[in-house]
Amino acid sequence: MSDKTEDQITREKDAVQKMVGAKSAMEAALGRIATLERAITNMNVVLDDMSKQVGDGVGYMTYNTEKNVEGFISIRKQANRVAEIGRKVL
C-alpha cells in the first residue's frame, strides 16, 4: 500500500505534466535555434561569395540614419560587414 494521499498523487502527476511541457518547449526552442544557425551560416556563405564577385566601385546610394547623411556604399563592404555580424553571433 502507498502512503501517498490522493492529493499528493494528483500534485505529482501535475508536476510530471509540467515537466513534459517544459521539455517540449525546450526541444522546440532548440530546433528554432538550430534552424537560425543554419540560415545565418548559409547567408554568410552567400555574402562572402558575393563580396568576392564585385568590385569596390559597385554599390548604391543610401541614407545613413546614424550620421544623418546620404552617400554611396560599396556592395563588397556592405556584404563583408553583414557577414561579420553573422559570424559574431555564431
Protein backbone atom coordinates (compact mmCIF):
# COMPACT_ATOMS: atom_id res chain seq x y z
CA MET A 1 0.00 0.00 0.00
CA SER A 2 1.10 3.51 -0.70
CA ASP A 3 1.43 6.15 1.98
CA LYS A 4 0.61 8.90 -0.53
CA THR A 5 -2.70 10.67 -0.40
CA GLU A 6 -4.84 11.28 -3.44
CA ASP A 7 -3.89 14.95 -3.27
CA GLN A 8 -0.15 14.14 -3.31
CA ILE A 9 -0.59 11.81 -6.27
CA THR A 10 -2.51 14.50 -8.16
CA ARG A 11 0.19 17.10 -7.42
CA GLU A 12 2.91 14.70 -8.61
CA LYS A 13 1.00 13.97 -11.83
CA ASP A 14 0.60 17.71 -12.43
CA ALA A 15 4.31 18.24 -11.82
CA VAL A 16 5.19 15.50 -14.31
CA GLN A 17 2.89 17.04 -16.92
CA LYS A 18 4.54 20.44 -16.41
CA MET A 19 7.99 18.88 -16.87
CA VAL A 20 6.84 17.18 -20.07
CA GLY A 21 5.52 20.53 -21.32
CA ALA A 22 8.77 22.28 -20.40
CA LYS A 23 10.78 19.60 -22.19
CA SER A 24 8.66 20.00 -25.33
CA ALA A 25 9.07 23.78 -25.24
CA MET A 26 12.85 23.44 -24.81
CA GLU A 27 13.09 20.99 -27.72
CA ALA A 28 11.11 23.40 -29.91
CA ALA A 29 13.36 26.30 -28.91
CA LEU A 30 16.49 24.26 -29.65
CA GLY A 31 15.06 23.36 -33.05
CA ARG A 32 14.42 27.03 -33.85
CA ILE A 33 17.95 27.93 -32.75
CA ALA A 34 19.44 25.23 -34.99
CA THR A 35 17.34 26.49 -37.91
CA LEU A 36 18.51 30.08 -37.33
CA GLU A 37 22.15 28.99 -37.09
CA ARG A 38 21.87 27.12 -40.42
CA ALA A 39 20.23 30.15 -42.03
CA ILE A 40 22.94 32.54 -40.78
CA THR A 41 25.68 30.16 -41.93
CA ASN A 42 24.10 29.95 -45.41
CA MET A 43 23.70 33.72 -45.55
CA ASN A 44 27.37 34.18 -44.68
CA VAL A 45 28.40 31.83 -47.49
CA VAL A 46 26.35 33.86 -49.98
CA LEU A 47 27.63 37.20 -48.64
CA ASP A 48 31.25 36.04 -48.74
CA ASP A 49 30.84 34.80 -52.32
CA MET A 50 29.06 37.99 -53.35
CA SER A 51 31.77 40.21 -51.89
CA LYS A 52 34.41 38.30 -53.90
CA GLN A 53 32.49 38.77 -57.16
CA VAL A 54 32.01 42.54 -57.16
CA GLY A 55 34.49 45.38 -57.14
CA ASP A 56 34.60 48.21 -54.63
CA GLY A 57 33.11 50.54 -57.28
CA VAL A 58 29.85 48.59 -57.36
CA GLY A 59 27.38 49.90 -54.85
CA TYR A 60 24.35 52.02 -54.22
CA MET A 61 23.28 55.31 -52.73
CA THR A 62 21.76 55.06 -49.29
CA TYR A 63 20.83 57.21 -46.33
CA ASN A 64 22.82 56.67 -43.14
CA THR A 65 20.49 57.50 -40.26
CA GLU A 66 23.32 57.36 -37.69
CA LYS A 67 25.36 60.00 -39.50
CA ASN A 68 22.33 61.76 -41.00
CA VAL A 69 23.89 61.77 -44.48
CA GLU A 70 23.21 60.24 -47.86
CA GLY A 71 26.07 58.55 -49.64
CA PHE A 72 27.48 55.74 -51.73
CA ILE A 73 28.13 52.37 -50.13
CA SER A 74 30.16 49.58 -51.70
CA ILE A 75 28.28 46.29 -52.00
CA ARG A 76 31.52 44.47 -51.18
CA LYS A 77 31.99 46.41 -47.96
CA GLN A 78 28.34 46.06 -47.01
CA ALA A 79 28.35 42.30 -47.66
CA ASN A 80 31.51 41.89 -45.57
CA ARG A 81 30.02 43.98 -42.76
CA VAL A 82 26.80 41.97 -42.66
CA ALA A 83 28.66 38.63 -42.85
CA GLU A 84 30.80 39.72 -39.90
CA ILE A 85 27.65 40.39 -37.88
CA GLY A 86 26.53 36.84 -38.67
CA ARG A 87 29.88 35.36 -37.70
CA LYS A 88 29.81 37.14 -34.33
CA VAL A 89 26.50 35.61 -33.32
CA LEU A 90 27.59 32.11 -34.26
